[in-house]
């Protein structure tokens, strides 16, 4: 198991600021990684992820990383083993530990896509994590309904954030770390 990094709920304010401050730059920025085209990334879906959200995640992975993806629909009952009823959240560290043994070798990397509130060991309400280095990352699309104070964040802003999240968590699996800029 590699070192896991989390995108915290507290980081959302920074993501929104970044989006608003440099939206014209970020919409044109297209980070690519030189992955061999024969590599496949398995998109592991649990439960009720909306087709629109899932299609968006799939398109981001394929267009930016220039790889094929394959959808793997997982049994949502598998999540019960990592559910913490006292928190009403799912422990993504336990889920990744469970899946590391199961990820078929045909996949270069795996990206778990959920629509659940998730947490990592020692954290609360994270948007995603990725093993660094490793083969698995997980993210949630649950944040689309998030309210900040009296304002409901628009879906197009969350699409930008979700795009960043997909690239961010898969980037961890490729060995990329957080920058040290404060």
C-alpha atoms as a PDB file:
ATOM      1  CA  UNK A   1       0.000   0.000   0.000  1.00  0.00           C
ATOM      2  CA  UNK A   2       1.326   3.411  -0.943  1.00  0.00           C
ATOM      3  CA  UNK A   3       0.909   6.676   0.873  1.00  0.00           C
ATOM      4  CA  UNK A   4      -2.637   8.020   0.589  1.00  0.00           C
ATOM      5  CA  UNK A   5      -3.488  11.666   0.133  1.00  0.00           C
ATOM      6  CA  UNK A   6      -6.958  13.074   0.633  1.00  0.00           C
ATOM      7  CA  UNK A   7      -8.839  15.972  -0.890  1.00  0.00           C
ATOM      8  CA  UNK A   8     -10.650  17.373   2.129  1.00  0.00           C
ATOM      9  CA  UNK A   9     -13.950  19.158   2.257  1.00  0.00           C
ATOM     10  CA  UNK A  10     -11.989  22.136   3.615  1.00  0.00           C
ATOM     11  CA  UNK A  11     -10.093  22.218   0.333  1.00  0.00           C
ATOM     12  CA  UNK A  12     -13.325  22.898  -1.516  1.00  0.00           C
ATOM     13  CA  UNK A  13     -13.162  26.623  -0.764  1.00  0.00           C
ATOM     14  CA  UNK A  14      -9.687  26.744  -2.307  1.00  0.00           C
ATOM     15  CA  UNK A  15     -10.896  24.798  -5.360  1.00  0.00           C
ATOM     16  CA  UNK A  16     -13.750  27.247  -5.853  1.00  0.00           C
ATOM     17  CA  UNK A  17     -11.397  30.209  -5.439  1.00  0.00           C
ATOM     18  CA  UNK A  18      -8.980  28.664  -7.911  1.00  0.00           C
ATOM     19  CA  UNK A  19     -11.789  28.043 -10.381  1.00  0.00           C
ATOM     20  CA  UNK A  20     -13.106  31.582 -10.115  1.00  0.00           C
ATOM     21  CA  UNK A  21      -9.647  33.162 -10.196  1.00  0.00           C
ATOM     22  CA  UNK A  22      -8.220  31.247 -13.161  1.00  0.00           C
ATOM     23  CA  UNK A  23     -11.204  29.669 -14.886  1.00  0.00           C
ATOM     24  CA  UNK A  24     -10.123  30.805 -18.323  1.00  0.00           C
ATOM     25  CA  UNK A  25      -6.674  29.297 -17.799  1.00  0.00           C
ATOM     26  CA  UNK A  26      -7.903  26.041 -16.241  1.00  0.00           C
ATOM     27  CA  UNK A  27     -10.461  25.397 -18.970  1.00  0.00           C
ATOM     28  CA  UNK A  28      -7.673  25.482 -21.568  1.00  0.00           C
ATOM     29  CA  UNK A  29      -5.137  23.538 -19.521  1.00  0.00           C
ATOM     30  CA  UNK A  30      -4.926  19.875 -20.484  1.00  0.00           C
ATOM     31  CA  UNK A  31      -2.416  17.886 -18.446  1.00  0.00           C
ATOM     32  CA  UNK A  32      -1.332  14.735 -20.258  1.00  0.00           C
ATOM     33  CA  UNK A  33       0.702  11.814 -19.056  1.00  0.00           C
ATOM     34  CA  UNK A  34       2.685   9.691 -21.497  1.00  0.00           C
ATOM     35  CA  UNK A  35       0.802   6.438 -20.901  1.00  0.00           C
ATOM     36  CA  UNK A  36       1.113   3.678 -23.480  1.00  0.00           C
ATOM     37  CA  UNK A  37      -2.161   3.507 -25.394  1.00  0.00           C
ATOM     38  CA  UNK A  38      -2.622  -0.225 -24.706  1.00  0.00           C
ATOM     39  CA  UNK A  39      -3.101   0.487 -20.987  1.00  0.00           C
ATOM     40  CA  UNK A  40      -6.645   0.321 -19.672  1.00  0.00           C
ATOM     41  CA  UNK A  41      -8.073   1.986 -16.604  1.00  0.00           C
ATOM     42  CA  UNK A  42     -10.882   0.125 -14.874  1.00  0.00           C
ATOM     43  CA  UNK A  43     -13.708   2.385 -13.716  1.00  0.00           C
ATOM     44  CA  UNK A  44     -15.261   0.587 -10.757  1.00  0.00           C
ATOM     45  CA  UNK A  45     -18.769   1.860 -10.093  1.00  0.00           C
ATOM     46  CA  UNK A  46     -20.755   1.159  -6.947  1.00  0.00           C
ATOM     47  CA  UNK A  47     -24.423   1.919  -6.589  1.00  0.00           C
ATOM     48  CA  UNK A  48     -26.318   4.876  -7.909  1.00  0.00           C
ATOM     49  CA  UNK A  49     -23.799   7.113  -9.649  1.00  0.00           C
ATOM     50  CA  UNK A  50     -25.769   9.169 -12.150  1.00  0.00           C
ATOM     51  CA  UNK A  51     -25.119   8.262 -15.792  1.00  0.00           C
ATOM     52  CA  UNK A  52     -24.228  11.902 -16.558  1.00  0.00           C
ATOM     53  CA  UNK A  53     -21.632  12.061 -13.768  1.00  0.00           C
ATOM     54  CA  UNK A  54     -20.153   8.699 -14.724  1.00  0.00           C
ATOM     55  CA  UNK A  55     -19.987   9.598 -18.417  1.00  0.00           C
ATOM     56  CA  UNK A  56     -18.211  12.829 -17.498  1.00  0.00           C
ATOM     57  CA  UNK A  57     -15.604  10.954 -15.389  1.00  0.00           C
ATOM     58  CA  UNK A  58     -15.066   8.443 -18.206  1.00  0.00           C
ATOM     59  CA  UNK A  59     -14.602  11.198 -20.801  1.00  0.00           C
ATOM     60  CA  UNK A  60     -12.088  13.037 -18.593  1.00  0.00           C
ATOM     61  CA  UNK A  61      -9.982   9.914 -18.065  1.00  0.00           C
ATOM     62  CA  UNK A  62     -10.005   8.944 -21.742  1.00  0.00           C
ATOM     63  CA  UNK A  63      -9.394  12.413 -23.157  1.00  0.00           C
ATOM     64  CA  UNK A  64      -6.681  13.564 -20.773  1.00  0.00           C
ATOM     65  CA  UNK A  65      -4.768  10.333 -20.147  1.00  0.00           C
ATOM     66  CA  UNK A  66      -5.344   9.058 -23.714  1.00  0.00           C
ATOM     67  CA  UNK A  67      -6.208   5.534 -22.548  1.00  0.00           C
ATOM     68  CA  UNK A  68      -9.159   3.210 -22.912  1.00  0.00           C
ATOM     69  CA  UNK A  69     -11.423   2.673 -19.960  1.00  0.00           C
ATOM     70  CA  UNK A  70     -13.551  -0.280 -19.058  1.00  0.00           C
ATOM     71  CA  UNK A  71     -16.560  -0.039 -16.793  1.00  0.00           C
ATOM     72  CA  UNK A  72     -16.754  -2.568 -13.980  1.00  0.00           C
ATOM     73  CA  UNK A  73     -20.078  -2.473 -12.149  1.00  0.00           C
ATOM     74  CA  UNK A  74     -19.479  -3.679  -8.607  1.00  0.00           C
ATOM     75  CA  UNK A  75     -22.044  -5.057  -6.203  1.00  0.00           C
ATOM     76  CA  UNK A  76     -23.101  -2.221  -3.851  1.00  0.00           C
ATOM     77  CA  UNK A  77     -23.413  -4.813  -1.070  1.00  0.00           C
ATOM     78  CA  UNK A  78     -19.592  -4.963  -1.009  1.00  0.00           C
ATOM     79  CA  UNK A  79     -19.661  -1.462   0.458  1.00  0.00           C
ATOM     80  CA  UNK A  80     -21.440  -2.657   3.595  1.00  0.00           C
ATOM     81  CA  UNK A  81     -18.151  -4.090   4.866  1.00  0.00           C
ATOM     82  CA  UNK A  82     -16.626  -0.592   4.872  1.00  0.00           C
ATOM     83  CA  UNK A  83     -19.678   1.325   6.143  1.00  0.00           C
ATOM     84  CA  UNK A  84     -19.394   2.987   9.545  1.00  0.00           C
ATOM     85  CA  UNK A  85     -22.945   3.418  10.887  1.00  0.00           C
ATOM     86  CA  UNK A  86     -21.823   5.719  13.713  1.00  0.00           C
ATOM     87  CA  UNK A  87     -20.515   8.203  11.106  1.00  0.00           C
ATOM     88  CA  UNK A  88     -22.973   7.311   8.346  1.00  0.00           C
ATOM     89  CA  UNK A  89     -20.010   7.279   5.959  1.00  0.00           C
ATOM     90  CA  UNK A  90     -17.903   4.776   4.042  1.00  0.00           C
ATOM     91  CA  UNK A  91     -14.225   4.224   4.902  1.00  0.00           C
ATOM     92  CA  UNK A  92     -12.338   4.526   1.625  1.00  0.00           C
ATOM     93  CA  UNK A  93      -9.062   3.255   3.096  1.00  0.00           C
ATOM     94  CA  UNK A  94     -10.721  -0.042   3.978  1.00  0.00           C
ATOM     95  CA  UNK A  95     -12.372  -0.145   0.553  1.00  0.00           C
ATOM     96  CA  UNK A  96      -9.051   0.389  -1.241  1.00  0.00           C
ATOM     97  CA  UNK A  97      -7.350  -2.221   0.942  1.00  0.00           C
ATOM     98  CA  UNK A  98     -10.114  -4.676  -0.008  1.00  0.00           C
ATOM     99  CA  UNK A  99      -9.956  -3.845  -3.728  1.00  0.00           C
ATOM    100  CA  UNK A 100      -6.157  -3.914  -4.034  1.00  0.00           C
ATOM    101  CA  UNK A 101      -6.358  -7.692  -3.891  1.00  0.00           C
ATOM    102  CA  UNK A 102      -9.168  -7.839  -6.496  1.00  0.00           C
ATOM    103  CA  UNK A 103      -8.107  -5.410  -9.233  1.00  0.00           C
ATOM    104  CA  UNK A 104      -7.555  -7.559 -12.337  1.00  0.00           C
ATOM    105  CA  UNK A 105      -4.067  -7.313 -13.835  1.00  0.00           C
ATOM    106  CA  UNK A 106      -5.580  -6.259 -17.177  1.00  0.00           C
ATOM    107  CA  UNK A 107      -6.050  -2.789 -15.663  1.00  0.00           C
ATOM    108  CA  UNK A 108      -3.114  -0.428 -15.479  1.00  0.00           C
ATOM    109  CA  UNK A 109      -5.019   1.555 -12.830  1.00  0.00           C
ATOM    110  CA  UNK A 110      -8.416   1.463 -11.170  1.00  0.00           C
ATOM    111  CA  UNK A 111     -10.665   4.393 -10.310  1.00  0.00           C
ATOM    112  CA  UNK A 112     -13.516   3.746  -7.884  1.00  0.00           C
ATOM    113  CA  UNK A 113     -16.485   6.072  -8.453  1.00  0.00           C
ATOM    114  CA  UNK A 114     -19.066   6.425  -5.669  1.00  0.00           C
ATOM    115  CA  UNK A 115     -22.018   8.615  -4.792  1.00  0.00           C
ATOM    116  CA  UNK A 116     -21.564   8.243  -1.043  1.00  0.00           C
ATOM    117  CA  UNK A 117     -20.172  10.282   1.835  1.00  0.00           C
ATOM    118  CA  UNK A 118     -16.662   8.981   2.396  1.00  0.00           C
ATOM    119  CA  UNK A 119     -13.893   9.373   4.933  1.00  0.00           C
ATOM    120  CA  UNK A 120     -10.353   8.137   5.327  1.00  0.00           C
ATOM    121  CA  UNK A 121      -8.561   7.000   8.462  1.00  0.00           C
ATOM    122  CA  UNK A 122      -8.149  10.091  10.653  1.00  0.00           C
ATOM    123  CA  UNK A 123     -10.199  12.315   8.307  1.00  0.00           C
ATOM    124  CA  UNK A 124     -13.770  13.402   7.776  1.00  0.00           C
ATOM    125  CA  UNK A 125     -15.718  14.080   4.559  1.00  0.00           C
ATOM    126  CA  UNK A 126     -13.146  13.713   1.832  1.00  0.00           C
ATOM    127  CA  UNK A 127     -13.782  13.898  -1.928  1.00  0.00           C
ATOM    128  CA  UNK A 128     -11.182  11.305  -2.860  1.00  0.00           C
ATOM    129  CA  UNK A 129      -7.856   9.622  -2.301  1.00  0.00           C
ATOM    130  CA  UNK A 130      -5.253   7.773  -4.307  1.00  0.00           C
ATOM    131  CA  UNK A 131      -2.461   5.373  -3.411  1.00  0.00           C
ATOM    132  CA  UNK A 132       0.887   7.021  -4.099  1.00  0.00           C
ATOM    133  CA  UNK A 133       2.329   5.208  -5.884  1.00  0.00           C
ATOM    134  CA  UNK A 134      -0.242   2.512  -6.449  1.00  0.00           C
ATOM    135  CA  UNK A 135      -2.944   1.180  -8.718  1.00  0.00           C
ATOM    136  CA  UNK A 136      -6.140   2.492  -7.129  1.00  0.00           C
ATOM    137  CA  UNK A 137      -7.873   5.785  -6.516  1.00  0.00           C
ATOM    138  CA  UNK A 138     -11.359   6.544  -5.249  1.00  0.00           C
ATOM    139  CA  UNK A 139     -13.586   9.576  -5.571  1.00  0.00           C
ATOM    140  CA  UNK A 140     -17.115  10.549  -4.748  1.00  0.00           C
ATOM    141  CA  UNK A 141     -19.523  12.604  -6.803  1.00  0.00           C
ATOM    142  CA  UNK A 142     -21.635  13.197  -3.692  1.00  0.00           C
ATOM    143  CA  UNK A 143     -20.531  16.843  -3.472  1.00  0.00           C
ATOM    144  CA  UNK A 144     -22.831  18.000  -6.268  1.00  0.00           C
ATOM    145  CA  UNK A 145     -25.585  18.704  -3.762  1.00  0.00           C
ATOM    146  CA  UNK A 146     -23.303  20.653  -1.434  1.00  0.00           C
ATOM    147  CA  UNK A 147     -24.401  24.005  -0.088  1.00  0.00           C
ATOM    148  CA  UNK A 148     -21.997  26.641   1.142  1.00  0.00           C
ATOM    149  CA  UNK A 149     -23.898  28.908   3.503  1.00  0.00           C
ATOM    150  CA  UNK A 150     -27.056  29.948   1.700  1.00  0.00           C
ATOM    151  CA  UNK A 151     -25.616  29.309  -1.776  1.00  0.00           C
ATOM    152  CA  UNK A 152     -25.983  26.126  -3.747  1.00  0.00           C
ATOM    153  CA  UNK A 153     -22.963  25.578  -5.949  1.00  0.00           C
ATOM    154  CA  UNK A 154     -23.738  25.276  -9.628  1.00  0.00           C
ATOM    155  CA  UNK A 155     -23.212  21.989 -11.420  1.00  0.00           C
ATOM    156  CA  UNK A 156     -20.819  23.522 -13.980  1.00  0.00           C
ATOM    157  CA  UNK A 157     -18.488  24.555 -11.149  1.00  0.00           C
ATOM    158  CA  UNK A 158     -18.629  21.026  -9.763  1.00  0.00           C
ATOM    159  CA  UNK A 159     -17.823  19.624 -13.206  1.00  0.00           C
ATOM    160  CA  UNK A 160     -14.623  21.662 -13.166  1.00  0.00           C
ATOM    161  CA  UNK A 161     -13.892  20.469  -9.635  1.00  0.00           C
ATOM    162  CA  UNK A 162     -14.750  16.869 -10.556  1.00  0.00           C
ATOM    163  CA  UNK A 163     -12.415  17.059 -13.551  1.00  0.00           C
ATOM    164  CA  UNK A 164      -9.630  18.279 -11.272  1.00  0.00           C
ATOM    165  CA  UNK A 165     -10.450  15.570  -8.749  1.00  0.00           C
ATOM    166  CA  UNK A 166     -10.263  12.778 -11.348  1.00  0.00           C
ATOM    167  CA  UNK A 167      -6.882  14.017 -12.605  1.00  0.00           C
ATOM    168  CA  UNK A 168      -5.635  14.660  -9.066  1.00  0.00           C
ATOM    169  CA  UNK A 169      -6.429  11.210  -7.657  1.00  0.00           C
ATOM    170  CA  UNK A 170      -5.233   9.279 -10.715  1.00  0.00           C
ATOM    171  CA  UNK A 171      -2.123  11.474 -10.650  1.00  0.00           C
ATOM    172  CA  UNK A 172      -1.348  10.155  -7.166  1.00  0.00           C
ATOM    173  CA  UNK A 173      -1.422   6.585  -8.496  1.00  0.00           C
ATOM    174  CA  UNK A 174       1.166   7.654 -11.081  1.00  0.00           C
ATOM    175  CA  UNK A 175       3.479   8.945  -8.346  1.00  0.00           C
ATOM    176  CA  UNK A 176       2.578  12.640  -8.410  1.00  0.00           C
ATOM    177  CA  UNK A 177       2.576  14.378  -5.039  1.00  0.00           C
ATOM    178  CA  UNK A 178       0.956  17.575  -3.822  1.00  0.00           C
ATOM    179  CA  UNK A 179       3.012  20.659  -4.551  1.00  0.00           C
ATOM    180  CA  UNK A 180       4.552  22.367  -1.553  1.00  0.00           C
ATOM    181  CA  UNK A 181       3.295  25.858  -2.484  1.00  0.00           C
ATOM    182  CA  UNK A 182       1.167  27.326   0.273  1.00  0.00           C
END
